[in-house]
Amino acid sequence: MGVLKMALERLIYIVETLIFIRAILSFIVIDTNNAITSFIFQVTEPVLSPFREILRRLKVDTGMIDFSPLLAILFLSFLSRIINIIF
């Protein structure tokens, strides 16, 4: 169980870090054809898209700011705490 807990925590940490990097990249003019940038977008999009959909369905008008990375990181932090409680 300890190995599973550690693996899940590291996976969550990596995804949180990639989401944070993507949020920073969204403020910078970037070349999305770059291999690293493309990888970050491909890995984080499946995590972020459900939160964008939730905001859209709730009709939350955030203007030009995308709050889905914030919601995703909060959810992943909550998930990490649940994993710590379970294991």
N, C-alpha and C. Protein backbone atom coordinates (compact mmCIF):
# COMPACT_ATOMS: atom_id res chain seq x y z
N MET A 1 0.82 -1.20 0.00
CA MET A 1 0.00 0.00 0.00
C MET A 1 0.86 1.25 0.00
N GLY A 2 2.01 1.21 0.65
CA GLY A 2 2.88 2.37 0.72
C GLY A 2 3.39 2.79 -0.65
N VAL A 3 3.69 1.81 -1.49
CA VAL A 3 4.19 2.10 -2.83
C VAL A 3 3.08 2.73 -3.67
N LEU A 4 1.86 2.22 -3.55
CA LEU A 4 0.73 2.77 -4.29
C LEU A 4 0.46 4.21 -3.87
N LYS A 5 0.48 4.45 -2.56
CA LYS A 5 0.26 5.81 -2.04
C LYS A 5 1.31 6.76 -2.59
N MET A 6 2.56 6.35 -2.54
CA MET A 6 3.65 7.20 -3.01
C MET A 6 3.52 7.46 -4.51
N ALA A 7 3.15 6.44 -5.28
CA ALA A 7 3.00 6.59 -6.73
C ALA A 7 1.86 7.56 -7.05
N LEU A 8 0.74 7.42 -6.35
CA LEU A 8 -0.39 8.32 -6.59
C LEU A 8 -0.05 9.76 -6.21
N GLU A 9 0.63 9.94 -5.08
CA GLU A 9 1.02 11.28 -4.65
C GLU A 9 1.98 11.93 -5.65
N ARG A 10 2.91 11.16 -6.15
CA ARG A 10 3.86 11.71 -7.14
C ARG A 10 3.15 12.04 -8.45
N LEU A 11 2.24 11.19 -8.87
CA LEU A 11 1.48 11.46 -10.09
C LEU A 11 0.68 12.76 -9.94
N ILE A 12 0.03 12.92 -8.80
CA ILE A 12 -0.74 14.14 -8.55
C ILE A 12 0.18 15.35 -8.54
N TYR A 13 1.33 15.23 -7.91
CA TYR A 13 2.29 16.34 -7.87
C TYR A 13 2.76 16.72 -9.27
N ILE A 14 3.05 15.73 -10.10
CA ILE A 14 3.50 15.99 -11.47
C ILE A 14 2.41 16.70 -12.27
N VAL A 15 1.18 16.23 -12.15
CA VAL A 15 0.07 16.84 -12.88
C VAL A 15 -0.16 18.27 -12.39
N GLU A 16 -0.12 18.48 -11.06
CA GLU A 16 -0.27 19.84 -10.52
C GLU A 16 0.81 20.76 -11.07
N THR A 17 2.04 20.28 -11.11
CA THR A 17 3.15 21.08 -11.62
C THR A 17 2.96 21.42 -13.09
N LEU A 18 2.54 20.44 -13.88
CA LEU A 18 2.30 20.69 -15.30
C LEU A 18 1.16 21.69 -15.52
N ILE A 19 0.13 21.61 -14.69
CA ILE A 19 -0.98 22.56 -14.79
C ILE A 19 -0.49 23.97 -14.45
N PHE A 20 0.33 24.08 -13.42
CA PHE A 20 0.89 25.38 -13.04
C PHE A 20 1.74 25.95 -14.17
N ILE A 21 2.58 25.12 -14.77
CA ILE A 21 3.42 25.57 -15.90
C ILE A 21 2.53 26.00 -17.06
N ARG A 22 1.48 25.25 -17.33
CA ARG A 22 0.57 25.63 -18.42
C ARG A 22 -0.10 26.96 -18.14
N ALA A 23 -0.48 27.19 -16.89
CA ALA A 23 -1.11 28.47 -16.54
C ALA A 23 -0.14 29.62 -16.79
N ILE A 24 1.11 29.42 -16.43
CA ILE A 24 2.11 30.47 -16.68
C ILE A 24 2.31 30.66 -18.18
N LEU A 25 2.38 29.56 -18.92
CA LEU A 25 2.56 29.64 -20.37
C LEU A 25 1.40 30.36 -21.05
N SER A 26 0.21 30.30 -20.46
CA SER A 26 -0.94 30.95 -21.08
C SER A 26 -0.82 32.47 -21.06
N PHE A 27 0.03 33.02 -20.18
CA PHE A 27 0.23 34.46 -20.12
C PHE A 27 1.36 34.91 -21.03
N ILE A 28 2.09 33.97 -21.59
CA ILE A 28 3.24 34.28 -22.43
C ILE A 28 2.90 33.88 -23.86
N VAL A 29 3.33 34.67 -24.80
CA VAL A 29 3.15 34.28 -26.20
C VAL A 29 4.09 33.12 -26.46
N ILE A 30 3.50 31.97 -26.79
CA ILE A 30 4.31 30.76 -26.94
C ILE A 30 4.07 30.11 -28.28
N ASP A 31 5.00 29.31 -28.67
CA ASP A 31 4.87 28.51 -29.89
C ASP A 31 4.28 27.16 -29.47
N THR A 32 3.03 26.94 -29.82
CA THR A 32 2.38 25.68 -29.42
C THR A 32 2.89 24.49 -30.21
N ASN A 33 3.69 24.74 -31.22
CA ASN A 33 4.28 23.63 -31.98
C ASN A 33 5.54 23.10 -31.32
N ASN A 34 6.02 23.79 -30.29
CA ASN A 34 7.18 23.34 -29.53
C ASN A 34 6.83 21.99 -28.89
N ALA A 35 7.76 21.05 -28.91
CA ALA A 35 7.50 19.69 -28.40
C ALA A 35 7.15 19.70 -26.91
N ILE A 36 7.86 20.48 -26.13
CA ILE A 36 7.61 20.51 -24.68
C ILE A 36 6.26 21.14 -24.39
N THR A 37 5.98 22.27 -25.03
CA THR A 37 4.70 22.94 -24.84
C THR A 37 3.55 22.05 -25.29
N SER A 38 3.72 21.41 -26.41
CA SER A 38 2.69 20.51 -26.93
C SER A 38 2.43 19.37 -25.95
N PHE A 39 3.50 18.81 -25.38
CA PHE A 39 3.37 17.73 -24.40
C PHE A 39 2.59 18.21 -23.17
N ILE A 40 2.94 19.39 -22.66
CA ILE A 40 2.26 19.93 -21.48
C ILE A 40 0.77 20.12 -21.77
N PHE A 41 0.45 20.67 -22.93
CA PHE A 41 -0.95 20.88 -23.28
C PHE A 41 -1.69 19.55 -23.45
N GLN A 42 -1.06 18.55 -24.05
CA GLN A 42 -1.71 17.25 -24.25
C GLN A 42 -1.95 16.52 -22.93
N VAL A 43 -1.03 16.66 -21.98
CA VAL A 43 -1.18 15.96 -20.70
C VAL A 43 -2.21 16.65 -19.81
N THR A 44 -2.25 17.98 -19.83
CA THR A 44 -3.12 18.70 -18.91
C THR A 44 -4.54 18.91 -19.44
N GLU A 45 -4.72 18.88 -20.74
CA GLU A 45 -6.06 19.14 -21.29
C GLU A 45 -7.12 18.16 -20.79
N PRO A 46 -6.86 16.86 -20.69
CA PRO A 46 -7.90 15.96 -20.15
C PRO A 46 -8.26 16.26 -18.70
N VAL A 47 -7.35 16.87 -17.96
CA VAL A 47 -7.64 17.23 -16.57
C VAL A 47 -8.41 18.54 -16.51
N LEU A 48 -8.06 19.49 -17.36
CA LEU A 48 -8.66 20.82 -17.31
C LEU A 48 -10.03 20.90 -17.97
N SER A 49 -10.25 20.14 -19.02
CA SER A 49 -11.51 20.27 -19.77
C SER A 49 -12.77 20.00 -18.95
N PRO A 50 -12.80 19.03 -18.02
CA PRO A 50 -14.01 18.87 -17.21
C PRO A 50 -14.31 20.10 -16.34
N PHE A 51 -13.27 20.76 -15.86
CA PHE A 51 -13.48 21.95 -15.03
C PHE A 51 -13.96 23.12 -15.88
N ARG A 52 -13.48 23.23 -17.11
CA ARG A 52 -13.99 24.25 -18.03
C ARG A 52 -15.47 24.00 -18.31
N GLU A 53 -15.81 22.74 -18.49
CA GLU A 53 -17.21 22.38 -18.76
C GLU A 53 -18.10 22.71 -17.56
N ILE A 54 -17.62 22.46 -16.36
CA ILE A 54 -18.38 22.80 -15.15
C ILE A 54 -18.61 24.30 -15.09
N LEU A 55 -17.57 25.09 -15.33
CA LEU A 55 -17.71 26.55 -15.32
C LEU A 55 -18.68 27.01 -16.41
N ARG A 56 -18.62 26.38 -17.57
CA ARG A 56 -19.52 26.74 -18.67
C ARG A 56 -20.97 26.43 -18.31
N ARG A 57 -21.20 25.26 -17.73
CA ARG A 57 -22.57 24.86 -17.37
C ARG A 57 -23.14 25.72 -16.25
N LEU A 58 -22.27 26.18 -15.36
CA LEU A 58 -22.72 27.06 -14.28
C LEU A 58 -22.85 28.50 -14.76
N LYS A 59 -22.52 28.72 -16.03
CA LYS A 59 -22.58 30.04 -16.65
C LYS A 59 -21.74 31.07 -15.89
N VAL A 60 -20.58 30.63 -15.46
CA VAL A 60 -19.64 31.51 -14.77
C VAL A 60 -18.86 32.27 -15.83
N ASP A 61 -19.05 33.59 -15.87
CA ASP A 61 -18.35 34.41 -16.84
C ASP A 61 -17.05 34.89 -16.21
N THR A 62 -15.95 34.32 -16.65
CA THR A 62 -14.65 34.68 -16.09
C THR A 62 -13.87 35.62 -16.99
N GLY A 63 -14.51 36.06 -18.05
CA GLY A 63 -13.83 36.96 -18.98
C GLY A 63 -12.69 36.24 -19.67
N MET A 64 -11.55 36.88 -19.70
CA MET A 64 -10.40 36.30 -20.39
C MET A 64 -9.57 35.39 -19.49
N ILE A 65 -9.92 35.32 -18.22
CA ILE A 65 -9.15 34.50 -17.27
C ILE A 65 -9.77 33.11 -17.19
N ASP A 66 -8.93 32.10 -17.32
CA ASP A 66 -9.37 30.71 -17.24
C ASP A 66 -9.12 30.21 -15.82
N PHE A 67 -10.21 29.96 -15.09
CA PHE A 67 -10.08 29.49 -13.71
C PHE A 67 -10.01 27.97 -13.60
N SER A 68 -10.07 27.27 -14.72
CA SER A 68 -10.02 25.81 -14.66
C SER A 68 -8.70 25.28 -14.08
N PRO A 69 -7.54 25.90 -14.33
CA PRO A 69 -6.32 25.40 -13.66
C PRO A 69 -6.39 25.51 -12.14
N LEU A 70 -6.96 26.61 -11.66
CA LEU A 70 -7.10 26.78 -10.21
C LEU A 70 -8.01 25.71 -9.63
N LEU A 71 -9.14 25.49 -10.28
CA LEU A 71 -10.07 24.46 -9.79
C LEU A 71 -9.45 23.07 -9.85
N ALA A 72 -8.71 22.80 -10.91
CA ALA A 72 -8.07 21.48 -11.05
C ALA A 72 -7.03 21.26 -9.96
N ILE A 73 -6.22 22.28 -9.69
CA ILE A 73 -5.20 22.15 -8.64
C ILE A 73 -5.85 21.98 -7.27
N LEU A 74 -6.92 22.73 -7.01
CA LEU A 74 -7.63 22.56 -5.74
C LEU A 74 -8.21 21.15 -5.61
N PHE A 75 -8.78 20.64 -6.70
CA PHE A 75 -9.33 19.29 -6.68
C PHE A 75 -8.24 18.25 -6.46
N LEU A 76 -7.11 18.41 -7.15
CA LEU A 76 -6.00 17.45 -7.00
C LEU A 76 -5.42 17.50 -5.59
N SER A 77 -5.37 18.68 -4.99
CA SER A 77 -4.90 18.80 -3.60
C SER A 77 -5.86 18.08 -2.65
N PHE A 78 -7.16 18.26 -2.90
CA PHE A 78 -8.17 17.57 -2.11
C PHE A 78 -8.03 16.05 -2.28
N LEU A 79 -7.83 15.61 -3.51
CA LEU A 79 -7.65 14.19 -3.79
C LEU A 79 -6.41 13.63 -3.08
N SER A 80 -5.35 14.41 -3.05
CA SER A 80 -4.13 14.00 -2.36
C SER A 80 -4.38 13.83 -0.86
N ARG A 81 -5.16 14.73 -0.29
CA ARG A 81 -5.49 14.60 1.14
C ARG A 81 -6.34 13.36 1.41
N ILE A 82 -7.27 13.08 0.52
CA ILE A 82 -8.10 11.88 0.66
C ILE A 82 -7.22 10.63 0.60
N ILE A 83 -6.26 10.62 -0.32
CA ILE A 83 -5.34 9.48 -0.43
C ILE A 83 -4.55 9.32 0.86
N ASN A 84 -4.11 10.42 1.46
CA ASN A 84 -3.39 10.35 2.73
C ASN A 84 -4.26 9.80 3.85
N ILE A 85 -5.54 10.13 3.84
CA ILE A 85 -6.45 9.62 4.87
C ILE A 85 -6.69 8.12 4.68
N ILE A 86 -6.89 7.71 3.43
CA ILE A 86 -7.19 6.30 3.14
C ILE A 86 -5.99 5.41 3.44
N PHE A 87 -4.80 5.85 3.03
CA PHE A 87 -3.62 5.03 3.22
C PHE A 87 -2.94 5.44 4.50
